[in-house]
Every structure is written in structure tokens, then in C-alpha cells.
Amino acid sequence: MSVKHEIKIKQGYADGTLKLSDNGHTKADNKDLINWVIKKNKNVTSIENIQIKSGTDIFIVGPHANGDEWNAEINNDAPYNSEYEYSISWKGTWGPKS
């Protein structure tokens, strides 16, 4: 059975960094769902893109926009203990950030 993991974007900063509810580390299993949501009024107005930086591409359905949030689904065949490092491009108080 898949589990939904919600990662809240809690704050955006002028240097382009983000404060995430999971502190940048989510542990999930195959077939789990990942959702990125913006906590309102935190200097972030939109997610523009979520892209891989390093590691194994673990998603069967990669990060994609779904209204105001972004969603992804982990591949059932992703190798155990895989790591996926990603970056978030976003817009907010200080313009576009990567």
C-alpha cells in the first residue's frame, strides 16, 4: 500500500534556499507518493520545476505540477535504499530562484 509524503515549503530566502518541513530528507518506499506544497505567505509563490541533481531516478511518474502543488510517484522497481537528490526552482518575493 502506498503512503503519501507531504513536503511543505515553509520559507524561501533571498539566497535561493528553501526551508522544507522534512529538512531535505524524506524516507519513502516504492510506490509511495510525494507531494510538495507551499505553505502560504512564506516568500514563495510558485514552484517552477523540480529536477534531479544526483542519484538514481526513482520515480515512475516524475515531479510534475498539479495545481498549486507538485506530485511524484516512486517506481515499484526502484532499488532499495536509493537516493535521489533534487533541486527546486521557484518564484517568490525575490524573483525566480534555483
PDB file of N, CA and C in Angstrom:
ATOM      1  N   MET A   1       0.845  -1.175   0.000  1.00  0.00           N
ATOM      2  CA  MET A   1       0.000   0.000   0.000  1.00  0.00           C
ATOM      3  C   MET A   1       0.894   1.243   0.000  1.00  0.00           C
ATOM      4  N   SER A   2       0.597   2.180  -0.853  1.00  0.00           N
ATOM      5  CA  SER A   2       1.421   3.388  -0.942  1.00  0.00           C
ATOM      6  C   SER A   2       1.050   4.382   0.156  1.00  0.00           C
ATOM      7  N   VAL A   3       2.039   5.160   0.544  1.00  0.00           N
ATOM      8  CA  VAL A   3       1.901   6.187   1.563  1.00  0.00           C
ATOM      9  C   VAL A   3       2.150   7.529   0.897  1.00  0.00           C
ATOM     10  N   LYS A   4       1.409   8.539   1.307  1.00  0.00           N
ATOM     11  CA  LYS A   4       1.598   9.885   0.780  1.00  0.00           C
ATOM     12  C   LYS A   4       2.503  10.667   1.727  1.00  0.00           C
ATOM     13  N   HIS A   5       3.598  11.208   1.199  1.00  0.00           N
ATOM     14  CA  HIS A   5       4.530  12.032   1.958  1.00  0.00           C
ATOM     15  C   HIS A   5       4.376  13.472   1.485  1.00  0.00           C
ATOM     16  N   GLU A   6       4.016  14.363   2.394  1.00  0.00           N
ATOM     17  CA  GLU A   6       3.847  15.769   2.034  1.00  0.00           C
ATOM     18  C   GLU A   6       5.064  16.558   2.517  1.00  0.00           C
ATOM     19  N   ILE A   7       5.729  17.225   1.589  1.00  0.00           N
ATOM     20  CA  ILE A   7       6.868  18.076   1.905  1.00  0.00           C
ATOM     21  C   ILE A   7       6.390  19.521   1.765  1.00  0.00           C
ATOM     22  N   LYS A   8       6.369  20.232   2.875  1.00  0.00           N
ATOM     23  CA  LYS A   8       5.923  21.620   2.860  1.00  0.00           C
ATOM     24  C   LYS A   8       7.113  22.545   2.680  1.00  0.00           C
ATOM     25  N   ILE A   9       6.965  23.496   1.775  1.00  0.00           N
ATOM     26  CA  ILE A   9       7.945  24.559   1.632  1.00  0.00           C
ATOM     27  C   ILE A   9       7.544  25.616   2.654  1.00  0.00           C
ATOM     28  N   LYS A  10       8.340  25.698   3.729  1.00  0.00           N
ATOM     29  CA  LYS A  10       7.984  26.532   4.865  1.00  0.00           C
ATOM     30  C   LYS A  10       8.474  27.966   4.738  1.00  0.00           C
ATOM     31  N   GLN A  11       9.579  28.161   3.981  1.00  0.00           N
ATOM     32  CA  GLN A  11      10.154  29.502   3.860  1.00  0.00           C
ATOM     33  C   GLN A  11      11.076  29.546   2.653  1.00  0.00           C
ATOM     34  N   GLY A  12      11.095  30.672   1.971  1.00  0.00           N
ATOM     35  CA  GLY A  12      12.047  30.915   0.899  1.00  0.00           C
ATOM     36  C   GLY A  12      12.944  32.067   1.297  1.00  0.00           C
ATOM     37  N   TYR A  13      14.214  32.010   0.889  1.00  0.00           N
ATOM     38  CA  TYR A  13      15.182  33.025   1.283  1.00  0.00           C
ATOM     39  C   TYR A  13      15.782  33.710   0.053  1.00  0.00           C
ATOM     40  N   ALA A  14      16.282  34.914   0.236  1.00  0.00           N
ATOM     41  CA  ALA A  14      16.834  35.718  -0.858  1.00  0.00           C
ATOM     42  C   ALA A  14      17.995  35.018  -1.562  1.00  0.00           C
ATOM     43  N   ASP A  15      18.719  34.141  -0.860  1.00  0.00           N
ATOM     44  CA  ASP A  15      19.850  33.437  -1.481  1.00  0.00           C
ATOM     45  C   ASP A  15      19.404  32.232  -2.313  1.00  0.00           C
ATOM     46  N   GLY A  16      18.096  31.996  -2.392  1.00  0.00           N
ATOM     47  CA  GLY A  16      17.559  30.907  -3.203  1.00  0.00           C
ATOM     48  C   GLY A  16      17.305  29.623  -2.444  1.00  0.00           C
ATOM     49  N   THR A  17      17.713  29.549  -1.185  1.00  0.00           N
ATOM     50  CA  THR A  17      17.478  28.337  -0.411  1.00  0.00           C
ATOM     51  C   THR A  17      16.041  28.288   0.099  1.00  0.00           C
ATOM     52  N   LEU A  18      15.634  27.089   0.434  1.00  0.00           N
ATOM     53  CA  LEU A  18      14.292  26.859   0.951  1.00  0.00           C
ATOM     54  C   LEU A  18      14.375  26.121   2.275  1.00  0.00           C
ATOM     55  N   LYS A  19      13.447  26.405   3.154  1.00  0.00           N
ATOM     56  CA  LYS A  19      13.288  25.629   4.380  1.00  0.00           C
ATOM     57  C   LYS A  19      12.139  24.661   4.129  1.00  0.00           C
ATOM     58  N   LEU A  20      12.447  23.363   4.207  1.00  0.00           N
ATOM     59  CA  LEU A  20      11.450  22.320   3.946  1.00  0.00           C
ATOM     60  C   LEU A  20      11.052  21.633   5.236  1.00  0.00           C
ATOM     61  N   SER A  21       9.817  21.161   5.302  1.00  0.00           N
ATOM     62  CA  SER A  21       9.308  20.508   6.506  1.00  0.00           C
ATOM     63  C   SER A  21      10.076  19.241   6.853  1.00  0.00           C
ATOM     64  N   ASP A  22      10.688  18.600   5.860  1.00  0.00           N
ATOM     65  CA  ASP A  22      11.449  17.370   6.109  1.00  0.00           C
ATOM     66  C   ASP A  22      12.945  17.643   6.252  1.00  0.00           C
ATOM     67  N   ASN A  23      13.324  18.923   6.297  1.00  0.00           N
ATOM     68  CA  ASN A  23      14.727  19.338   6.364  1.00  0.00           C
ATOM     69  C   ASN A  23      15.559  18.760   5.231  1.00  0.00           C
ATOM     70  N   GLY A  24      14.915  18.474   4.093  1.00  0.00           N
ATOM     71  CA  GLY A  24      15.628  17.997   2.917  1.00  0.00           C
ATOM     72  C   GLY A  24      15.852  16.497   2.871  1.00  0.00           C
ATOM     73  N   HIS A  25      15.241  15.743   3.779  1.00  0.00           N
ATOM     74  CA  HIS A  25      15.433  14.290   3.816  1.00  0.00           C
ATOM     75  C   HIS A  25      14.105  13.587   4.070  1.00  0.00           C
ATOM     76  N   THR A  26      13.582  12.936   3.039  1.00  0.00           N
ATOM     77  CA  THR A  26      12.361  12.158   3.177  1.00  0.00           C
ATOM     78  C   THR A  26      12.698  10.696   2.927  1.00  0.00           C
ATOM     79  N   LYS A  27      12.257   9.839   3.809  1.00  0.00           N
ATOM     80  CA  LYS A  27      12.453   8.402   3.632  1.00  0.00           C
ATOM     81  C   LYS A  27      11.118   7.842   3.146  1.00  0.00           C
ATOM     82  N   ALA A  28      11.146   7.214   1.979  1.00  0.00           N
ATOM     83  CA  ALA A  28       9.923   6.693   1.377  1.00  0.00           C
ATOM     84  C   ALA A  28      10.196   5.326   0.768  1.00  0.00           C
ATOM     85  N   ASP A  29       9.140   4.591   0.529  1.00  0.00           N
ATOM     86  CA  ASP A  29       9.228   3.256  -0.054  1.00  0.00           C
ATOM     87  C   ASP A  29       8.720   3.263  -1.490  1.00  0.00           C
ATOM     88  N   ASN A  30       8.970   2.165  -2.178  1.00  0.00           N
ATOM     89  CA  ASN A  30       8.485   2.013  -3.548  1.00  0.00           C
ATOM     90  C   ASN A  30       6.971   2.185  -3.576  1.00  0.00           C
ATOM     91  N   LYS A  31       6.491   2.805  -4.628  1.00  0.00           N
ATOM     92  CA  LYS A  31       5.075   3.103  -4.880  1.00  0.00           C
ATOM     93  C   LYS A  31       4.520   4.232  -4.010  1.00  0.00           C
ATOM     94  N   ASP A  32       5.337   4.811  -3.088  1.00  0.00           N
ATOM     95  CA  ASP A  32       4.859   5.925  -2.276  1.00  0.00           C
ATOM     96  C   ASP A  32       4.677   7.160  -3.143  1.00  0.00           C
ATOM     97  N   LEU A  33       3.829   8.042  -2.690  1.00  0.00           N
ATOM     98  CA  LEU A  33       3.552   9.301  -3.379  1.00  0.00           C
ATOM     99  C   LEU A  33       4.234  10.436  -2.624  1.00  0.00           C
ATOM    100  N   ILE A  34       4.831  11.355  -3.376  1.00  0.00           N
ATOM    101  CA  ILE A  34       5.491  12.518  -2.793  1.00  0.00           C
ATOM    102  C   ILE A  34       4.753  13.763  -3.284  1.00  0.00           C
ATOM    103  N   ASN A  35       4.414  14.653  -2.350  1.00  0.00           N
ATOM    104  CA  ASN A  35       3.740  15.900  -2.692  1.00  0.00           C
ATOM    105  C   ASN A  35       4.508  17.064  -2.088  1.00  0.00           C
ATOM    106  N   TRP A  36       4.816  18.059  -2.918  1.00  0.00           N
ATOM    107  CA  TRP A  36       5.456  19.281  -2.460  1.00  0.00           C
ATOM    108  C   TRP A  36       4.390  20.369  -2.462  1.00  0.00           C
ATOM    109  N   VAL A  37       4.206  21.037  -1.327  1.00  0.00           N
ATOM    110  CA  VAL A  37       3.210  22.100  -1.221  1.00  0.00           C
ATOM    111  C   VAL A  37       3.850  23.343  -0.610  1.00  0.00           C
ATOM    112  N   ILE A  38       3.365  24.486  -1.007  1.00  0.00           N
ATOM    113  CA  ILE A  38       3.865  25.754  -0.493  1.00  0.00           C
ATOM    114  C   ILE A  38       2.993  26.171   0.679  1.00  0.00           C
ATOM    115  N   LYS A  39       3.624  26.410   1.804  1.00  0.00           N
ATOM    116  CA  LYS A  39       2.911  26.953   2.944  1.00  0.00           C
ATOM    117  C   LYS A  39       2.679  28.434   2.653  1.00  0.00           C
ATOM    118  N   LYS A  40       1.489  28.884   2.690  1.00  0.00           N
ATOM    119  CA  LYS A  40       1.118  30.239   2.253  1.00  0.00           C
ATOM    120  C   LYS A  40       1.873  31.343   3.002  1.00  0.00           C
ATOM    121  N   ASN A  41       2.126  32.435   2.275  1.00  0.00           N
ATOM    122  CA  ASN A  41       2.753  33.647   2.805  1.00  0.00           C
ATOM    123  C   ASN A  41       4.158  33.422   3.343  1.00  0.00           C
ATOM    124  N   LYS A  42       4.949  32.621   2.682  1.00  0.00           N
ATOM    125  CA  LYS A  42       6.309  32.342   3.130  1.00  0.00           C
ATOM    126  C   LYS A  42       7.344  32.744   2.083  1.00  0.00           C
ATOM    127  N   ASN A  43       7.090  33.786   1.329  1.00  0.00           N
ATOM    128  CA  ASN A  43       8.011  34.334   0.330  1.00  0.00           C
ATOM    129  C   ASN A  43       8.151  33.470  -0.912  1.00  0.00           C
ATOM    130  N   VAL A  44       7.400  32.394  -1.016  1.00  0.00           N
ATOM    131  CA  VAL A  44       7.412  31.529  -2.196  1.00  0.00           C
ATOM    132  C   VAL A  44       6.003  31.548  -2.788  1.00  0.00           C
ATOM    133  N   THR A  45       5.916  31.930  -4.069  1.00  0.00           N
ATOM    134  CA  THR A  45       4.599  31.995  -4.701  1.00  0.00           C
ATOM    135  C   THR A  45       4.322  30.813  -5.616  1.00  0.00           C
ATOM    136  N   SER A  46       5.393  30.194  -6.165  1.00  0.00           N
ATOM    137  CA  SER A  46       5.173  29.047  -7.050  1.00  0.00           C
ATOM    138  C   SER A  46       6.433  28.201  -7.180  1.00  0.00           C
ATOM    139  N   ILE A  47       6.216  26.922  -7.425  1.00  0.00           N
ATOM    140  CA  ILE A  47       7.292  26.007  -7.802  1.00  0.00           C
ATOM    141  C   ILE A  47       7.320  26.016  -9.317  1.00  0.00           C
ATOM    142  N   GLU A  48       8.488  26.240  -9.879  1.00  0.00           N
ATOM    143  CA  GLU A  48       8.617  26.285 -11.334  1.00  0.00           C
ATOM    144  C   GLU A  48       9.100  24.952 -11.908  1.00  0.00           C
ATOM    145  N   ASN A  49       9.957  24.250 -11.148  1.00  0.00           N
ATOM    146  CA  ASN A  49      10.491  22.978 -11.630  1.00  0.00           C
ATOM    147  C   ASN A  49      11.134  22.243 -10.464  1.00  0.00           C
ATOM    148  N   ILE A  50      11.106  20.915 -10.534  1.00  0.00           N
ATOM    149  CA  ILE A  50      11.838  20.051  -9.602  1.00  0.00           C
ATOM    150  C   ILE A  50      12.635  19.111 -10.477  1.00  0.00           C
ATOM    151  N   GLN A  51      13.966  19.162 -10.355  1.00  0.00           N
ATOM    152  CA  GLN A  51      14.810  18.363 -11.234  1.00  0.00           C
ATOM    153  C   GLN A  51      15.878  17.618 -10.437  1.00  0.00           C
ATOM    154  N   ILE A  52      16.316  16.499 -10.984  1.00  0.00           N
ATOM    155  CA  ILE A  52      17.328  15.669 -10.337  1.00  0.00           C
ATOM    156  C   ILE A  52      18.681  16.381 -10.344  1.00  0.00           C
ATOM    157  N   LYS A  53      19.396  16.288  -9.227  1.00  0.00           N
ATOM    158  CA  LYS A  53      20.769  16.797  -9.136  1.00  0.00           C
ATOM    159  C   LYS A  53      21.744  15.624  -9.184  1.00  0.00           C
ATOM    160  N   SER A  54      21.424  14.558  -8.446  1.00  0.00           N
ATOM    161  CA  SER A  54      22.288  13.375  -8.444  1.00  0.00           C
ATOM    162  C   SER A  54      21.506  12.181  -7.904  1.00  0.00           C
ATOM    163  N   GLY A  55      22.084  11.009  -8.092  1.00  0.00           N
ATOM    164  CA  GLY A  55      21.469   9.789  -7.576  1.00  0.00           C
ATOM    165  C   GLY A  55      20.681   9.054  -8.642  1.00  0.00           C
ATOM    166  N   THR A  56      19.889   8.108  -8.180  1.00  0.00           N
ATOM    167  CA  THR A  56      19.076   7.263  -9.042  1.00  0.00           C
ATOM    168  C   THR A  56      17.730   7.924  -9.291  1.00  0.00           C
ATOM    169  N   ASP A  57      17.276   7.924 -10.536  1.00  0.00           N
ATOM    170  CA  ASP A  57      15.938   8.436 -10.827  1.00  0.00           C
ATOM    171  C   ASP A  57      14.947   7.392 -10.334  1.00  0.00           C
ATOM    172  N   ILE A  58      14.348   7.640  -9.183  1.00  0.00           N
ATOM    173  CA  ILE A  58      13.490   6.664  -8.517  1.00  0.00           C
ATOM    174  C   ILE A  58      12.020   6.751  -8.912  1.00  0.00           C
ATOM    175  N   PHE A  59      11.663   7.738  -9.722  1.00  0.00           N
ATOM    176  CA  PHE A  59      10.248   7.985  -9.984  1.00  0.00           C
ATOM    177  C   PHE A  59       9.735   7.294 -11.233  1.00  0.00           C
ATOM    178  N   ILE A  60       8.557   6.673 -11.113  1.00  0.00           N
ATOM    179  CA  ILE A  60       7.857   6.157 -12.284  1.00  0.00           C
ATOM    180  C   ILE A  60       7.068   7.303 -12.923  1.00  0.00           C
ATOM    181  N   VAL A  61       6.564   8.186 -12.075  1.00  0.00           N
ATOM    182  CA  VAL A  61       5.933   9.431 -12.518  1.00  0.00           C
ATOM    183  C   VAL A  61       6.726  10.534 -11.833  1.00  0.00           C
ATOM    184  N   GLY A  62       7.539  11.243 -12.615  1.00  0.00           N
ATOM    185  CA  GLY A  62       8.421  12.262 -12.063  1.00  0.00           C
ATOM    186  C   GLY A  62       7.680  13.475 -11.536  1.00  0.00           C
ATOM    187  N   PRO A  63       8.393  14.323 -10.792  1.00  0.00           N
ATOM    188  CA  PRO A  63       7.779  15.530 -10.248  1.00  0.00           C
ATOM    189  C   PRO A  63       7.117  16.366 -11.342  1.00  0.00           C
ATOM    190  N   HIS A  64       5.848  16.704 -11.109  1.00  0.00           N
ATOM    191  CA  HIS A  64       5.078  17.475 -12.086  1.00  0.00           C
ATOM    192  C   HIS A  64       4.058  18.341 -11.354  1.00  0.00           C
ATOM    193  N   ALA A  65       3.687  19.425 -12.002  1.00  0.00           N
ATOM    194  CA  ALA A  65       2.713  20.349 -11.427  1.00  0.00           C
ATOM    195  C   ALA A  65       1.329  19.719 -11.410  1.00  0.00           C
ATOM    196  N   ASN A  66       0.620  19.991 -10.320  1.00  0.00           N
ATOM    197  CA  ASN A  66      -0.770  19.584 -10.172  1.00  0.00           C
ATOM    198  C   ASN A  66      -1.468  20.693  -9.403  1.00  0.00           C
ATOM    199  N   GLY A  67      -1.880  21.719 -10.124  1.00  0.00           N
ATOM    200  CA  GLY A  67      -2.438  22.902  -9.474  1.00  0.00           C
ATOM    201  C   GLY A  67      -1.342  23.649  -8.744  1.00  0.00           C
ATOM    202  N   ASP A  68      -1.546  23.937  -7.475  1.00  0.00           N
ATOM    203  CA  ASP A  68      -0.568  24.676  -6.673  1.00  0.00           C
ATOM    204  C   ASP A  68       0.509  23.784  -6.068  1.00  0.00           C
ATOM    205  N   GLU A  69       0.373  22.472  -6.191  1.00  0.00           N
ATOM    206  CA  GLU A  69       1.374  21.582  -5.625  1.00  0.00           C
ATOM    207  C   GLU A  69       2.042  20.775  -6.724  1.00  0.00           C
ATOM    208  N   TRP A  70       3.090  20.065  -6.358  1.00  0.00           N
ATOM    209  CA  TRP A  70       3.794  19.178  -7.283  1.00  0.00           C
ATOM    210  C   TRP A  70       3.734  17.770  -6.727  1.00  0.00           C
ATOM    211  N   ASN A  71       3.616  16.780  -7.614  1.00  0.00           N
ATOM    212  CA  ASN A  71       3.475  15.386  -7.215  1.00  0.00           C
ATOM    213  C   ASN A  71       4.462  14.499  -7.950  1.00  0.00           C
ATOM    214  N   ALA A  72       4.772  13.355  -7.327  1.00  0.00           N
ATOM    215  CA  ALA A  72       5.596  12.330  -7.957  1.00  0.00           C
ATOM    216  C   ALA A  72       5.241  10.987  -7.329  1.00  0.00           C
ATOM    217  N   GLU A  73       5.529   9.908  -8.057  1.00  0.00           N
ATOM    218  CA  GLU A  73       5.303   8.558  -7.541  1.00  0.00           C
ATOM    219  C   GLU A  73       6.582   7.750  -7.704  1.00  0.00           C
ATOM    220  N   ILE A  74       6.987   7.097  -6.619  1.00  0.00           N
ATOM    221  CA  ILE A  74       8.208   6.292  -6.639  1.00  0.00           C
ATOM    222  C   ILE A  74       7.931   4.985  -7.376  1.00  0.00           C
ATOM    223  N   ASN A  75       8.865   4.624  -8.245  1.00  0.00           N
ATOM    224  CA  ASN A  75       8.776   3.406  -9.043  1.00  0.00           C
ATOM    225  C   ASN A  75       8.772   2.181  -8.133  1.00  0.00           C
ATOM    226  N   ASN A  76       7.909   1.227  -8.415  1.00  0.00           N
ATOM    227  CA  ASN A  76       7.851  -0.011  -7.639  1.00  0.00           C
ATOM    228  C   ASN A  76       9.152  -0.801  -7.755  1.00  0.00           C
ATOM    229  N   ASP A  77       9.902  -0.602  -8.844  1.00  0.00           N
ATOM    230  CA  ASP A  77      11.154  -1.325  -9.072  1.00  0.00           C
ATOM    231  C   ASP A  77      12.394  -0.528  -8.690  1.00  0.00           C
ATOM    232  N   ALA A  78      12.244   0.591  -8.018  1.00  0.00           N
ATOM    233  CA  ALA A  78      13.407   1.392  -7.612  1.00  0.00           C
ATOM    234  C   ALA A  78      14.260   0.561  -6.657  1.00  0.00           C
ATOM    235  N   PRO A  79      15.588   0.561  -6.841  1.00  0.00           N
ATOM    236  CA  PRO A  79      16.470  -0.213  -5.956  1.00  0.00           C
ATOM    237  C   PRO A  79      16.316   0.220  -4.496  1.00  0.00           C
ATOM    238  N   TYR A  80      16.357  -0.750  -3.600  1.00  0.00           N
ATOM    239  CA  TYR A  80      16.250  -0.497  -2.164  1.00  0.00           C
ATOM    240  C   TYR A  80      17.348   0.466  -1.707  1.00  0.00           C
ATOM    241  N   ASN A  81      17.009   1.399  -0.846  1.00  0.00           N
ATOM    242  CA  ASN A  81      17.924   2.407  -0.296  1.00  0.00           C
ATOM    243  C   ASN A  81      18.502   3.349  -1.349  1.00  0.00           C
ATOM    244  N   SER A  82      17.781   3.553  -2.447  1.00  0.00           N
ATOM    245  CA  SER A  82      18.216   4.514  -3.466  1.00  0.00           C
ATOM    246  C   SER A  82      18.140   5.922  -2.900  1.00  0.00           C
ATOM    247  N   GLU A  83      19.005   6.780  -3.394  1.00  0.00           N
ATOM    248  CA  GLU A  83      18.952   8.186  -3.017  1.00  0.00           C
ATOM    249  C   GLU A  83      18.746   9.028  -4.258  1.00  0.00           C
ATOM    250  N   TYR A  84      17.912  10.046  -4.112  1.00  0.00           N
ATOM    251  CA  TYR A  84      17.572  10.947  -5.207  1.00  0.00           C
ATOM    252  C   TYR A  84      17.714  12.350  -4.657  1.00  0.00           C
ATOM    253  N   GLU A  85      18.686  13.079  -5.148  1.00  0.00           N
ATOM    254  CA  GLU A  85      18.873  14.464  -4.731  1.00  0.00           C
ATOM    255  C   GLU A  85      18.292  15.363  -5.809  1.00  0.00           C
ATOM    256  N   TYR A  86      17.461  16.304  -5.408  1.00  0.00           N
ATOM    257  CA  TYR A  86      16.790  17.168  -6.371  1.00  0.00           C
ATOM    258  C   TYR A  86      16.942  18.629  -5.989  1.00  0.00           C
ATOM    259  N   SER A  87      16.672  19.481  -6.951  1.00  0.00           N
ATOM    260  CA  SER A  87      16.637  20.918  -6.675  1.00  0.00           C
ATOM    261  C   SER A  87      15.270  21.448  -7.095  1.00  0.00           C
ATOM    262  N   ILE A  88      14.876  22.519  -6.450  1.00  0.00           N
ATOM    263  CA  ILE A  88      13.587  23.151  -6.732  1.00  0.00           C
ATOM    264  C   ILE A  88      13.856  24.558  -7.261  1.00  0.00           C
ATOM    265  N   SER A  89      13.335  24.848  -8.450  1.00  0.00           N
ATOM    266  CA  SER A  89      13.326  26.209  -8.975  1.00  0.00           C
ATOM    267  C   SER A  89      11.991  26.820  -8.573  1.00  0.00           C
ATOM    268  N   TRP A  90      12.025  28.054  -8.097  1.00  0.00           N
ATOM    269  CA  TRP A  90      10.811  28.670  -7.585  1.00  0.00           C
ATOM    270  C   TRP A  90      10.782  30.156  -7.826  1.00  0.00           C
ATOM    271  N   LYS A  91       9.587  30.722  -7.693  1.00  0.00           N
ATOM    272  CA  LYS A  91       9.400  32.176  -7.770  1.00  0.00           C
ATOM    273  C   LYS A  91       8.829  32.655  -6.455  1.00  0.00           C
ATOM    274  N   GLY A  92       9.160  33.901  -6.133  1.00  0.00           N
ATOM    275  CA  GLY A  92       8.634  34.454  -4.892  1.00  0.00           C
ATOM    276  C   GLY A  92       9.021  35.905  -4.737  1.00  0.00           C
ATOM    277  N   THR A  93       9.130  36.330  -3.506  1.00  0.00           N
ATOM    278  CA  THR A  93       9.414  37.710  -3.150  1.00  0.00           C
ATOM    279  C   THR A  93      10.647  38.266  -3.866  1.00  0.00           C
ATOM    280  N   TRP A  94      11.668  37.418  -4.055  1.00  0.00           N
ATOM    281  CA  TRP A  94      12.934  37.877  -4.640  1.00  0.00           C
ATOM    282  C   TRP A  94      13.075  37.472  -6.105  1.00  0.00           C
ATOM    283  N   GLY A  95      11.975  37.184  -6.778  1.00  0.00           N
ATOM    284  CA  GLY A  95      12.030  36.795  -8.188  1.00  0.00           C
ATOM    285  C   GLY A  95      12.299  35.326  -8.344  1.00  0.00           C
ATOM    286  N   PRO A  96      12.713  34.898  -9.549  1.00  0.00           N
ATOM    287  CA  PRO A  96      12.982  33.470  -9.779  1.00  0.00           C
ATOM    288  C   PRO A  96      14.273  33.026  -9.085  1.00  0.00           C
ATOM    289  N   LYS A  97      14.230  31.839  -8.499  1.00  0.00           N
ATOM    290  CA  LYS A  97      15.379  31.259  -7.792  1.00  0.00           C
ATOM    291  C   LYS A  97      15.552  29.801  -8.213  1.00  0.00           C
ATOM    292  N   SER A  98      16.787  29.348  -8.166  1.00  0.00           N
ATOM    293  CA  SER A  98      17.083  27.927  -8.461  1.00  0.00           C
ATOM    294  C   SER A  98      17.910  27.345  -7.347  1.00  0.00           C
TER     295      SER A  98
END
